[in-house]
Amino acid sequence: MKTDMPHVTWECYSIDEKNLRDEKFIFDFLIEFPERIGLTIVGRPFIKKFFPSNKKIGDGVTGMVVLSESHLAIHTWPELRYAVIDVFSCKLFDIKNAEDILKEFFGSGIYERDIVYRGQNLIRNRQPELQIIKAKI
């Protein structure tokens, strides 16, 4: 049985490295993407641009925004044309639509999706917890 709490991650390969370096692009993504999938932003996104200190570390961007439903995060590795996007929500959203919107933002590439429905034990164990609560009252 699924809960209403999807935790979705996308690994995005072979996407445009220019956007993955662009702090404004990532900021705009963090503002627009949640709104387009029906989630609510709480506060301003946090963005951190990384500057290479050596050839092994690229100039990626990490960003996060808190949602009233949970969070959205992105981590980019432009030199690898790679990004990881993480959405956790205590509200169901259309995951296929979200993926289509990601492709609008980041363009052609390879998008691999993983979904975990959080709170499975809440469903399995709901009755015993309710009995314990009633006993304490």
C-alpha atoms as a PDB file:
ATOM      1  CA  MET A   1       0.000   0.000   0.000  1.00  0.00           C
ATOM      2  CA  LYS A   2       1.321   3.454  -0.899  1.00  0.00           C
ATOM      3  CA  THR A   3       1.266   6.440   1.394  1.00  0.00           C
ATOM      4  CA  ASP A   4       0.668   9.979   0.235  1.00  0.00           C
ATOM      5  CA  MET A   5       4.355  10.813   0.801  1.00  0.00           C
ATOM      6  CA  PRO A   6       6.405  10.301  -2.377  1.00  0.00           C
ATOM      7  CA  HIS A   7      10.160  10.858  -2.252  1.00  0.00           C
ATOM      8  CA  VAL A   8      11.290  11.125  -5.865  1.00  0.00           C
ATOM      9  CA  THR A   9      14.831  11.495  -7.148  1.00  0.00           C
ATOM     10  CA  TRP A  10      15.947  11.988 -10.706  1.00  0.00           C
ATOM     11  CA  GLU A  11      19.465  11.423 -11.929  1.00  0.00           C
ATOM     12  CA  CYS A  12      19.865  13.523 -15.065  1.00  0.00           C
ATOM     13  CA  TYR A  13      22.651  12.665 -17.499  1.00  0.00           C
ATOM     14  CA  SER A  14      23.882  14.317 -20.712  1.00  0.00           C
ATOM     15  CA  ILE A  15      22.083  17.591 -20.075  1.00  0.00           C
ATOM     16  CA  ASP A  16      23.162  21.123 -21.002  1.00  0.00           C
ATOM     17  CA  GLU A  17      26.126  22.021 -18.820  1.00  0.00           C
ATOM     18  CA  LYS A  18      25.587  25.773 -19.278  1.00  0.00           C
ATOM     19  CA  ASN A  19      22.336  25.706 -17.258  1.00  0.00           C
ATOM     20  CA  LEU A  20      23.946  23.521 -14.606  1.00  0.00           C
ATOM     21  CA  ARG A  21      26.498  26.299 -13.899  1.00  0.00           C
ATOM     22  CA  ASP A  22      23.967  29.129 -13.937  1.00  0.00           C
ATOM     23  CA  GLU A  23      22.904  30.204 -10.427  1.00  0.00           C
ATOM     24  CA  LYS A  24      19.998  32.296 -11.751  1.00  0.00           C
ATOM     25  CA  PHE A  25      18.728  29.389 -13.839  1.00  0.00           C
ATOM     26  CA  ILE A  26      18.856  27.064 -10.801  1.00  0.00           C
ATOM     27  CA  PHE A  27      17.192  29.722  -8.607  1.00  0.00           C
ATOM     28  CA  ASP A  28      14.386  30.166 -11.156  1.00  0.00           C
ATOM     29  CA  PHE A  29      13.992  26.382 -11.357  1.00  0.00           C
ATOM     30  CA  LEU A  30      13.603  26.170  -7.567  1.00  0.00           C
ATOM     31  CA  ILE A  31      10.867  28.827  -7.689  1.00  0.00           C
ATOM     32  CA  GLU A  32       8.946  27.650 -10.765  1.00  0.00           C
ATOM     33  CA  PHE A  33       9.142  23.851 -10.588  1.00  0.00           C
ATOM     34  CA  PRO A  34       7.280  23.398  -7.269  1.00  0.00           C
ATOM     35  CA  GLU A  35       4.538  25.802  -8.338  1.00  0.00           C
ATOM     36  CA  ARG A  36       4.059  23.937 -11.612  1.00  0.00           C
ATOM     37  CA  ILE A  37       3.645  20.589  -9.841  1.00  0.00           C
ATOM     38  CA  GLY A  38       1.257  21.965  -7.211  1.00  0.00           C
ATOM     39  CA  LEU A  39       3.607  22.333  -4.240  1.00  0.00           C
ATOM     40  CA  THR A  40       4.025  25.433  -2.067  1.00  0.00           C
ATOM     41  CA  ILE A  41       7.297  27.292  -1.514  1.00  0.00           C
ATOM     42  CA  VAL A  42       8.082  28.470   2.021  1.00  0.00           C
ATOM     43  CA  GLY A  43      10.750  31.148   2.006  1.00  0.00           C
ATOM     44  CA  ARG A  44      13.500  31.910  -0.439  1.00  0.00           C
ATOM     45  CA  PRO A  45      15.620  29.209  -2.129  1.00  0.00           C
ATOM     46  CA  PHE A  46      19.151  28.695  -0.861  1.00  0.00           C
ATOM     47  CA  ILE A  47      21.817  28.547  -3.595  1.00  0.00           C
ATOM     48  CA  LYS A  48      25.508  27.713  -3.251  1.00  0.00           C
ATOM     49  CA  LYS A  49      27.845  27.988  -6.229  1.00  0.00           C
ATOM     50  CA  PHE A  50      30.996  25.900  -6.009  1.00  0.00           C
ATOM     51  CA  PHE A  51      34.184  27.170  -7.601  1.00  0.00           C
ATOM     52  CA  PRO A  52      36.854  24.644  -8.509  1.00  0.00           C
ATOM     53  CA  SER A  53      39.889  24.649  -6.272  1.00  0.00           C
ATOM     54  CA  ASN A  54      41.505  22.020  -8.448  1.00  0.00           C
ATOM     55  CA  LYS A  55      40.793  20.124 -11.665  1.00  0.00           C
ATOM     56  CA  LYS A  56      38.970  17.330  -9.827  1.00  0.00           C
ATOM     57  CA  ILE A  57      36.186  19.531  -8.497  1.00  0.00           C
ATOM     58  CA  GLY A  58      33.823  21.275 -10.886  1.00  0.00           C
ATOM     59  CA  ASP A  59      31.875  24.505 -10.692  1.00  0.00           C
ATOM     60  CA  GLY A  60      28.470  23.098  -9.834  1.00  0.00           C
ATOM     61  CA  VAL A  61      25.513  24.569  -8.026  1.00  0.00           C
ATOM     62  CA  THR A  62      23.568  23.190  -5.081  1.00  0.00           C
ATOM     63  CA  GLY A  63      20.165  24.598  -4.315  1.00  0.00           C
ATOM     64  CA  MET A  64      17.317  23.868  -1.981  1.00  0.00           C
ATOM     65  CA  VAL A  65      13.933  25.270  -1.179  1.00  0.00           C
ATOM     66  CA  VAL A  66      11.686  24.354   1.723  1.00  0.00           C
ATOM     67  CA  LEU A  67       8.128  23.486   0.741  1.00  0.00           C
ATOM     68  CA  SER A  68       5.124  23.461   3.027  1.00  0.00           C
ATOM     69  CA  GLU A  69       4.885  19.840   1.887  1.00  0.00           C
ATOM     70  CA  SER A  70       8.637  19.175   2.518  1.00  0.00           C
ATOM     71  CA  HIS A  71      11.580  20.067   0.191  1.00  0.00           C
ATOM     72  CA  LEU A  72      13.126  20.289  -3.282  1.00  0.00           C
ATOM     73  CA  ALA A  73      16.901  20.035  -3.757  1.00  0.00           C
ATOM     74  CA  ILE A  74      19.240  20.014  -6.750  1.00  0.00           C
ATOM     75  CA  HIS A  75      22.951  19.262  -7.037  1.00  0.00           C
ATOM     76  CA  THR A  76      24.792  19.808 -10.332  1.00  0.00           C
ATOM     77  CA  TRP A  77      28.075  18.629 -11.836  1.00  0.00           C
ATOM     78  CA  PRO A  78      28.343  20.635 -15.089  1.00  0.00           C
ATOM     79  CA  GLU A  79      31.658  19.082 -16.132  1.00  0.00           C
ATOM     80  CA  LEU A  80      29.866  15.709 -16.137  1.00  0.00           C
ATOM     81  CA  ARG A  81      26.638  17.126 -17.618  1.00  0.00           C
ATOM     82  CA  TYR A  82      24.918  15.574 -14.591  1.00  0.00           C
ATOM     83  CA  ALA A  83      22.420  16.656 -11.940  1.00  0.00           C
ATOM     84  CA  VAL A  84      20.460  15.035  -9.130  1.00  0.00           C
ATOM     85  CA  ILE A  85      17.033  16.417  -8.266  1.00  0.00           C
ATOM     86  CA  ASP A  86      15.254  15.377  -5.077  1.00  0.00           C
ATOM     87  CA  VAL A  87      11.607  16.066  -4.204  1.00  0.00           C
ATOM     88  CA  PHE A  88      10.057  14.866  -0.972  1.00  0.00           C
ATOM     89  CA  SER A  89       6.415  15.685  -0.408  1.00  0.00           C
ATOM     90  CA  CYS A  90       3.782  14.749   2.144  1.00  0.00           C
ATOM     91  CA  LYS A  91       1.278  15.435  -0.659  1.00  0.00           C
ATOM     92  CA  LEU A  92       0.849  13.356  -3.784  1.00  0.00           C
ATOM     93  CA  PHE A  93       1.792  15.059  -7.042  1.00  0.00           C
ATOM     94  CA  ASP A  94       1.786  13.924 -10.664  1.00  0.00           C
ATOM     95  CA  ILE A  95       5.263  12.426 -10.988  1.00  0.00           C
ATOM     96  CA  LYS A  96       5.062  11.903 -14.775  1.00  0.00           C
ATOM     97  CA  ASN A  97       4.028  15.545 -15.234  1.00  0.00           C
ATOM     98  CA  ALA A  98       6.903  16.618 -12.952  1.00  0.00           C
ATOM     99  CA  GLU A  99       9.336  14.672 -15.120  1.00  0.00           C
ATOM    100  CA  ASP A 100       7.966  16.320 -18.282  1.00  0.00           C
ATOM    101  CA  ILE A 101       8.492  19.730 -16.648  1.00  0.00           C
ATOM    102  CA  LEU A 102      12.073  18.770 -15.687  1.00  0.00           C
ATOM    103  CA  LYS A 103      12.728  17.972 -19.349  1.00  0.00           C
ATOM    104  CA  GLU A 104      11.344  21.399 -20.313  1.00  0.00           C
ATOM    105  CA  PHE A 105      13.841  23.029 -17.942  1.00  0.00           C
ATOM    106  CA  PHE A 106      16.919  20.913 -18.653  1.00  0.00           C
ATOM    107  CA  GLY A 107      16.301  19.699 -22.211  1.00  0.00           C
ATOM    108  CA  SER A 108      17.168  16.433 -23.818  1.00  0.00           C
ATOM    109  CA  GLY A 109      19.162  13.931 -21.857  1.00  0.00           C
ATOM    110  CA  ILE A 110      18.745  10.735 -19.902  1.00  0.00           C
ATOM    111  CA  TYR A 111      16.445  10.932 -16.876  1.00  0.00           C
ATOM    112  CA  GLU A 112      16.442   8.060 -14.396  1.00  0.00           C
ATOM    113  CA  ARG A 113      13.774   8.186 -11.710  1.00  0.00           C
ATOM    114  CA  ASP A 114      13.538   6.481  -8.308  1.00  0.00           C
ATOM    115  CA  ILE A 115      10.472   6.673  -6.081  1.00  0.00           C
ATOM    116  CA  VAL A 116      10.142   5.687  -2.450  1.00  0.00           C
ATOM    117  CA  TYR A 117       6.839   6.118  -0.664  1.00  0.00           C
ATOM    118  CA  ARG A 118       7.744   7.205   2.856  1.00  0.00           C
ATOM    119  CA  GLY A 119       5.754   6.234   5.925  1.00  0.00           C
ATOM    120  CA  GLN A 120       4.938   2.651   4.957  1.00  0.00           C
ATOM    121  CA  ASN A 121       5.196   1.576   8.595  1.00  0.00           C
ATOM    122  CA  LEU A 122       2.654   4.226   9.524  1.00  0.00           C
ATOM    123  CA  ILE A 123       0.099   2.406   7.408  1.00  0.00           C
ATOM    124  CA  ARG A 124       1.060  -1.091   8.567  1.00  0.00           C
ATOM    125  CA  ASN A 125       1.169  -0.112  12.236  1.00  0.00           C
ATOM    126  CA  ARG A 126      -1.612   2.458  12.434  1.00  0.00           C
ATOM    127  CA  GLN A 127      -4.024   0.352  14.534  1.00  0.00           C
ATOM    128  CA  PRO A 128      -1.562  -0.518  17.340  1.00  0.00           C
ATOM    129  CA  GLU A 129      -0.508   3.148  17.596  1.00  0.00           C
ATOM    130  CA  LEU A 130      -4.109   4.269  17.856  1.00  0.00           C
ATOM    131  CA  GLN A 131      -4.732   1.700  20.608  1.00  0.00           C
ATOM    132  CA  ILE A 132      -1.690   2.955  22.557  1.00  0.00           C
ATOM    133  CA  ILE A 133      -2.871   6.561  22.226  1.00  0.00           C
ATOM    134  CA  LYS A 134      -6.383   5.635  23.376  1.00  0.00           C
ATOM    135  CA  ALA A 135      -4.955   3.729  26.350  1.00  0.00           C
ATOM    136  CA  LYS A 136      -2.965   6.808  27.461  1.00  0.00           C
ATOM    137  CA  ILE A 137      -6.030   9.034  27.299  1.00  0.00           C
END
